[in-house]
Amino acid sequence: MVERAPGEQAGVEQGTLFPDASLPDELVGYRGPAACQIAGITYRQLDYWARTKLVKPTIRVASGSGSQRLYSFKDILVLKVVKRLLDTGVSLHNIRVAVDHLRNRGVEDLARITLFSDGTTVYECTSAEEVVDLLQGGQGVFGIAVSGAMREISGTIHEFPAERAEGAEEVPAVDDELSRRRRDRQTG
């Protein structure tokens, strides 16, 4: 169960999460193996979570043998949060509730959230006051700053090849000399 702690004021600037001040394009996605490496999960976990609809790819779902799922930046962020919640012992049922709640948020909204759990309930905190109120209960809790997971992902995601949703056009992971030569050769 995800509960909102009282009072919500937060001010996370986009520039602090993405050094180049740009959010990832929502039409650019990452195939399963890249999503696994970025989120720090196994392909078996990714496949199971997609089949059980815990975390579904929002850009492209697999549509038969040989087709590839395509995960957005937000999908990969949710994968990373799910992994952290599982690692801390939160039940799969409570993780499903938390994921449903996170799915309804935009990337900027997610940057303002810290998830806390006492092992039973998952709480959403969006300000320091909410965190203090939650901790005053005297019960042991752990927290996951979603913005921290975003920083980790945004720091490594550019190292992996991306793909546009319209087709199989590859977006180069790094714009180096070899990539420019290949692009020039393909365009003539």
C-alpha atoms as a PDB file:
ATOM      1  CA  MET A   1       0.000   0.000   0.000  1.00  0.00           C
ATOM      2  CA  VAL A   2       1.415   3.408  -0.937  1.00  0.00           C
ATOM      3  CA  GLU A   3       0.425   6.228   1.360  1.00  0.00           C
ATOM      4  CA  ARG A   4       1.162   9.888   0.859  1.00  0.00           C
ATOM      5  CA  ALA A   5       2.718  11.518   3.908  1.00  0.00           C
ATOM      6  CA  PRO A   6       1.200  14.908   4.889  1.00  0.00           C
ATOM      7  CA  GLY A   7       2.315  18.200   3.290  1.00  0.00           C
ATOM      8  CA  GLU A   8       4.027  18.175  -0.089  1.00  0.00           C
ATOM      9  CA  GLN A   9       6.456  20.851  -1.152  1.00  0.00           C
ATOM     10  CA  ALA A  10       9.622  19.953  -2.995  1.00  0.00           C
ATOM     11  CA  GLY A  11      11.899  21.651  -5.436  1.00  0.00           C
ATOM     12  CA  VAL A  12      14.148  19.361  -7.408  1.00  0.00           C
ATOM     13  CA  GLU A  13      15.553  21.154 -10.419  1.00  0.00           C
ATOM     14  CA  GLN A  14      15.766  19.251 -13.685  1.00  0.00           C
ATOM     15  CA  GLY A  15      19.342  20.433 -14.208  1.00  0.00           C
ATOM     16  CA  THR A  16      20.492  18.655 -11.052  1.00  0.00           C
ATOM     17  CA  LEU A  17      19.239  15.320 -12.380  1.00  0.00           C
ATOM     18  CA  PHE A  18      20.321  15.705 -15.974  1.00  0.00           C
ATOM     19  CA  PRO A  19      23.567  17.650 -16.304  1.00  0.00           C
ATOM     20  CA  ASP A  20      22.853  18.591 -19.916  1.00  0.00           C
ATOM     21  CA  ALA A  21      19.396  19.892 -18.815  1.00  0.00           C
ATOM     22  CA  SER A  22      17.549  17.536 -21.154  1.00  0.00           C
ATOM     23  CA  LEU A  23      15.082  14.830 -20.302  1.00  0.00           C
ATOM     24  CA  PRO A  24      15.388  11.641 -22.324  1.00  0.00           C
ATOM     25  CA  ASP A  25      13.154  11.653 -25.403  1.00  0.00           C
ATOM     26  CA  GLU A  26      10.016   9.634 -24.730  1.00  0.00           C
ATOM     27  CA  LEU A  27      10.264   8.035 -28.180  1.00  0.00           C
ATOM     28  CA  VAL A  28      13.744   6.681 -27.498  1.00  0.00           C
ATOM     29  CA  GLY A  29      13.960   3.352 -25.738  1.00  0.00           C
ATOM     30  CA  TYR A  30      16.374   0.641 -24.742  1.00  0.00           C
ATOM     31  CA  ARG A  31      16.183  -3.058 -25.506  1.00  0.00           C
ATOM     32  CA  GLY A  32      15.946  -5.637 -22.760  1.00  0.00           C
ATOM     33  CA  PRO A  33      19.663  -6.433 -22.303  1.00  0.00           C
ATOM     34  CA  ALA A  34      20.546  -2.729 -22.040  1.00  0.00           C
ATOM     35  CA  ALA A  35      17.630  -2.087 -19.648  1.00  0.00           C
ATOM     36  CA  CYS A  36      18.905  -4.935 -17.450  1.00  0.00           C
ATOM     37  CA  GLN A  37      22.408  -3.532 -17.271  1.00  0.00           C
ATOM     38  CA  ILE A  38      21.224   0.011 -16.586  1.00  0.00           C
ATOM     39  CA  ALA A  39      18.759  -1.078 -13.859  1.00  0.00           C
ATOM     40  CA  GLY A  40      21.071  -3.702 -12.353  1.00  0.00           C
ATOM     41  CA  ILE A  41      18.743  -6.669 -12.800  1.00  0.00           C
ATOM     42  CA  THR A  42      18.923  -9.995 -14.599  1.00  0.00           C
ATOM     43  CA  TYR A  43      17.218 -10.683 -17.912  1.00  0.00           C
ATOM     44  CA  ARG A  44      15.196 -13.397 -16.175  1.00  0.00           C
ATOM     45  CA  GLN A  45      13.816 -10.796 -13.741  1.00  0.00           C
ATOM     46  CA  LEU A  46      13.045  -8.397 -16.598  1.00  0.00           C
ATOM     47  CA  ASP A  47      11.237 -11.090 -18.578  1.00  0.00           C
ATOM     48  CA  TYR A  48       9.238 -12.261 -15.548  1.00  0.00           C
ATOM     49  CA  TRP A  49       8.238  -8.713 -14.580  1.00  0.00           C
ATOM     50  CA  ALA A  50       7.134  -7.985 -18.153  1.00  0.00           C
ATOM     51  CA  ARG A  51       5.133 -11.229 -18.457  1.00  0.00           C
ATOM     52  CA  THR A  52       3.428 -10.678 -15.068  1.00  0.00           C
ATOM     53  CA  LYS A  53       2.843  -7.002 -15.960  1.00  0.00           C
ATOM     54  CA  LEU A  54       4.748  -5.695 -12.934  1.00  0.00           C
ATOM     55  CA  VAL A  55       6.839  -3.416 -15.157  1.00  0.00           C
ATOM     56  CA  LYS A  56       5.722  -3.369 -18.785  1.00  0.00           C
ATOM     57  CA  PRO A  57       7.694  -1.600 -21.497  1.00  0.00           C
ATOM     58  CA  THR A  58       5.801   1.533 -22.521  1.00  0.00           C
ATOM     59  CA  ILE A  59       7.479   2.110 -25.880  1.00  0.00           C
ATOM     60  CA  ARG A  60       7.182  -1.339 -27.467  1.00  0.00           C
ATOM     61  CA  VAL A  61       6.026  -4.693 -26.127  1.00  0.00           C
ATOM     62  CA  ALA A  62       7.229  -7.997 -27.513  1.00  0.00           C
ATOM     63  CA  SER A  63       4.798  -9.194 -30.160  1.00  0.00           C
ATOM     64  CA  GLY A  64       6.061 -12.672 -30.924  1.00  0.00           C
ATOM     65  CA  SER A  65       9.214 -14.609 -31.497  1.00  0.00           C
ATOM     66  CA  GLY A  66      12.182 -12.430 -32.349  1.00  0.00           C
ATOM     67  CA  SER A  67      10.553  -9.129 -31.437  1.00  0.00           C
ATOM     68  CA  GLN A  68      12.247  -6.894 -28.882  1.00  0.00           C
ATOM     69  CA  ARG A  69      10.729  -4.995 -25.984  1.00  0.00           C
ATOM     70  CA  LEU A  70      11.688  -1.332 -25.815  1.00  0.00           C
ATOM     71  CA  TYR A  71      11.906   0.332 -22.388  1.00  0.00           C
ATOM     72  CA  SER A  72      11.720   4.094 -21.802  1.00  0.00           C
ATOM     73  CA  PHE A  73      13.856   6.014 -19.319  1.00  0.00           C
ATOM     74  CA  LYS A  74      10.909   6.024 -16.882  1.00  0.00           C
ATOM     75  CA  ASP A  75      10.465   2.243 -17.291  1.00  0.00           C
ATOM     76  CA  ILE A  76      14.126   1.700 -16.433  1.00  0.00           C
ATOM     77  CA  LEU A  77      13.782   3.991 -13.417  1.00  0.00           C
ATOM     78  CA  VAL A  78      10.813   1.955 -12.179  1.00  0.00           C
ATOM     79  CA  LEU A  79      12.816  -1.263 -12.761  1.00  0.00           C
ATOM     80  CA  LYS A  80      15.605   0.111 -10.573  1.00  0.00           C
ATOM     81  CA  VAL A  81      13.154   1.119  -7.821  1.00  0.00           C
ATOM     82  CA  VAL A  82      11.506  -2.329  -7.931  1.00  0.00           C
ATOM     83  CA  LYS A  83      14.926  -3.967  -7.579  1.00  0.00           C
ATOM     84  CA  ARG A  84      15.735  -1.808  -4.546  1.00  0.00           C
ATOM     85  CA  LEU A  85      12.375  -2.539  -2.918  1.00  0.00           C
ATOM     86  CA  LEU A  86      12.844  -6.282  -3.472  1.00  0.00           C
ATOM     87  CA  ASP A  87      16.380  -6.132  -2.069  1.00  0.00           C
ATOM     88  CA  THR A  88      15.035  -4.597   1.144  1.00  0.00           C
ATOM     89  CA  GLY A  89      12.376  -7.271   1.613  1.00  0.00           C
ATOM     90  CA  VAL A  90       9.166  -5.509   0.573  1.00  0.00           C
ATOM     91  CA  SER A  91       6.517  -7.984  -0.549  1.00  0.00           C
ATOM     92  CA  LEU A  92       5.736  -8.311  -4.232  1.00  0.00           C
ATOM     93  CA  HIS A  93       2.122  -7.308  -3.538  1.00  0.00           C
ATOM     94  CA  ASN A  94       3.210  -3.993  -1.967  1.00  0.00           C
ATOM     95  CA  ILE A  95       5.695  -3.434  -4.787  1.00  0.00           C
ATOM     96  CA  ARG A  96       2.874  -3.852  -7.322  1.00  0.00           C
ATOM     97  CA  VAL A  97       0.840  -1.201  -5.500  1.00  0.00           C
ATOM     98  CA  ALA A  98       3.858   1.139  -5.406  1.00  0.00           C
ATOM     99  CA  VAL A  99       4.592   0.577  -9.122  1.00  0.00           C
ATOM    100  CA  ASP A 100       0.973   1.328 -10.063  1.00  0.00           C
ATOM    101  CA  HIS A 101       1.300   4.570  -8.116  1.00  0.00           C
ATOM    102  CA  LEU A 102       4.636   5.486  -9.763  1.00  0.00           C
ATOM    103  CA  ARG A 103       3.305   4.781 -13.273  1.00  0.00           C
ATOM    104  CA  ASN A 104       0.870   7.669 -12.954  1.00  0.00           C
ATOM    105  CA  ARG A 105       3.680  10.162 -12.346  1.00  0.00           C
ATOM    106  CA  GLY A 106       5.810  12.079 -14.802  1.00  0.00           C
ATOM    107  CA  VAL A 107       9.606  11.882 -14.677  1.00  0.00           C
ATOM    108  CA  GLU A 108       9.873  15.319 -13.008  1.00  0.00           C
ATOM    109  CA  ASP A 109       7.304  14.271 -10.371  1.00  0.00           C
ATOM    110  CA  LEU A 110       9.245  11.096  -9.655  1.00  0.00           C
ATOM    111  CA  ALA A 111      12.377  13.149  -9.000  1.00  0.00           C
ATOM    112  CA  ARG A 112      10.644  14.738  -5.997  1.00  0.00           C
ATOM    113  CA  ILE A 113       9.663  11.462  -4.335  1.00  0.00           C
ATOM    114  CA  THR A 114      11.411   9.466  -1.652  1.00  0.00           C
ATOM    115  CA  LEU A 115       9.861   6.093  -0.941  1.00  0.00           C
ATOM    116  CA  PHE A 116       9.993   4.804   2.625  1.00  0.00           C
ATOM    117  CA  SER A 117       8.900   1.444   3.906  1.00  0.00           C
ATOM    118  CA  ASP A 118       8.595  -0.189   7.274  1.00  0.00           C
ATOM    119  CA  GLY A 119       8.595  -3.573   5.552  1.00  0.00           C
ATOM    120  CA  THR A 120       4.818  -3.649   5.302  1.00  0.00           C
ATOM    121  CA  THR A 121       3.641  -0.342   3.887  1.00  0.00           C
ATOM    122  CA  VAL A 122       5.360   1.833   1.301  1.00  0.00           C
ATOM    123  CA  TYR A 123       5.077   5.577   1.967  1.00  0.00           C
ATOM    124  CA  GLU A 124       5.691   8.420  -0.465  1.00  0.00           C
ATOM    125  CA  CYS A 125       7.419  11.490   0.948  1.00  0.00           C
ATOM    126  CA  THR A 126       7.938  14.664  -1.051  1.00  0.00           C
ATOM    127  CA  SER A 127       9.425  16.944   1.607  1.00  0.00           C
ATOM    128  CA  ALA A 128      11.794  16.872   4.572  1.00  0.00           C
ATOM    129  CA  GLU A 129       8.867  17.532   6.935  1.00  0.00           C
ATOM    130  CA  GLU A 130       7.116  14.383   5.746  1.00  0.00           C
ATOM    131  CA  VAL A 131      10.273  12.355   6.356  1.00  0.00           C
ATOM    132  CA  VAL A 132      10.580  13.720   9.905  1.00  0.00           C
ATOM    133  CA  ASP A 133       6.893  12.979  10.596  1.00  0.00           C
ATOM    134  CA  LEU A 134       7.335   9.429   9.340  1.00  0.00           C
ATOM    135  CA  LEU A 135      10.498   8.798  11.356  1.00  0.00           C
ATOM    136  CA  GLN A 136       8.989  10.147  14.594  1.00  0.00           C
ATOM    137  CA  GLY A 137       6.837   7.019  14.788  1.00  0.00           C
ATOM    138  CA  GLY A 138       9.903   5.259  16.211  1.00  0.00           C
ATOM    139  CA  GLN A 139       9.630   2.318  13.858  1.00  0.00           C
ATOM    140  CA  GLY A 140      12.550   1.220  11.711  1.00  0.00           C
ATOM    141  CA  VAL A 141      12.166   2.313   8.106  1.00  0.00           C
ATOM    142  CA  PHE A 142      14.339   2.497   5.006  1.00  0.00           C
ATOM    143  CA  GLY A 143      14.171   5.014   2.213  1.00  0.00           C
ATOM    144  CA  ILE A 144      14.746   5.096  -1.530  1.00  0.00           C
ATOM    145  CA  ALA A 145      15.321   8.531  -3.027  1.00  0.00           C
ATOM    146  CA  VAL A 146      13.974   8.205  -6.556  1.00  0.00           C
ATOM    147  CA  SER A 147      16.100  11.184  -7.612  1.00  0.00           C
ATOM    148  CA  GLY A 148      19.222   9.236  -6.575  1.00  0.00           C
ATOM    149  CA  ALA A 149      18.203   6.336  -8.790  1.00  0.00           C
ATOM    150  CA  MET A 150      17.571   8.853 -11.597  1.00  0.00           C
ATOM    151  CA  ARG A 151      21.054  10.292 -11.233  1.00  0.00           C
ATOM    152  CA  GLU A 152      22.579   6.814 -11.398  1.00  0.00           C
ATOM    153  CA  ILE A 153      20.617   5.943 -14.517  1.00  0.00           C
ATOM    154  CA  SER A 154      21.202   9.270 -16.268  1.00  0.00           C
ATOM    155  CA  GLY A 155      24.928   8.911 -15.618  1.00  0.00           C
ATOM    156  CA  THR A 156      25.153   5.548 -17.396  1.00  0.00           C
ATOM    157  CA  ILE A 157      22.259   5.419 -19.849  1.00  0.00           C
ATOM    158  CA  HIS A 158      24.143   7.347 -22.546  1.00  0.00           C
ATOM    159  CA  GLU A 159      26.671   4.499 -22.752  1.00  0.00           C
ATOM    160  CA  PHE A 160      24.032   2.143 -24.164  1.00  0.00           C
ATOM    161  CA  PRO A 161      22.554   2.062 -27.674  1.00  0.00           C
ATOM    162  CA  ALA A 162      19.035   3.449 -27.900  1.00  0.00           C
ATOM    163  CA  GLU A 163      16.355   2.899 -30.497  1.00  0.00           C
ATOM    164  CA  ARG A 164      13.591   5.200 -31.748  1.00  0.00           C
ATOM    165  CA  ALA A 165      10.041   3.924 -31.415  1.00  0.00           C
ATOM    166  CA  GLU A 166       9.170   4.561 -35.076  1.00  0.00           C
ATOM    167  CA  GLY A 167      11.441   1.816 -36.369  1.00  0.00           C
ATOM    168  CA  ALA A 168      14.750   0.092 -36.029  1.00  0.00           C
ATOM    169  CA  GLU A 169      16.849   3.236 -36.419  1.00  0.00           C
ATOM    170  CA  GLU A 170      19.680   3.095 -33.917  1.00  0.00           C
ATOM    171  CA  VAL A 171      20.589   6.195 -31.956  1.00  0.00           C
ATOM    172  CA  PRO A 172      24.350   6.152 -31.332  1.00  0.00           C
ATOM    173  CA  ALA A 173      25.274   5.713 -27.682  1.00  0.00           C
ATOM    174  CA  VAL A 174      28.278   8.014 -28.038  1.00  0.00           C
ATOM    175  CA  ASP A 175      28.866  10.584 -30.749  1.00  0.00           C
ATOM    176  CA  ASP A 176      32.481   9.696 -31.479  1.00  0.00           C
ATOM    177  CA  GLU A 177      34.450   9.761 -34.716  1.00  0.00           C
ATOM    178  CA  LEU A 178      33.603   6.178 -35.677  1.00  0.00           C
ATOM    179  CA  SER A 179      29.869   6.812 -35.154  1.00  0.00           C
ATOM    180  CA  ARG A 180      30.028   9.945 -37.311  1.00  0.00           C
ATOM    181  CA  ARG A 181      31.824   8.057 -40.101  1.00  0.00           C
ATOM    182  CA  ARG A 182      29.210   5.283 -40.074  1.00  0.00           C
ATOM    183  CA  ARG A 183      26.390   7.813 -40.154  1.00  0.00           C
ATOM    184  CA  ASP A 184      28.046   9.715 -43.025  1.00  0.00           C
ATOM    185  CA  ARG A 185      28.534   6.467 -44.965  1.00  0.00           C
ATOM    186  CA  GLN A 186      24.859   5.498 -44.530  1.00  0.00           C
ATOM    187  CA  THR A 187      23.531   8.895 -45.605  1.00  0.00           C
ATOM    188  CA  GLY A 188      25.840   9.110 -48.611  1.00  0.00           C
END
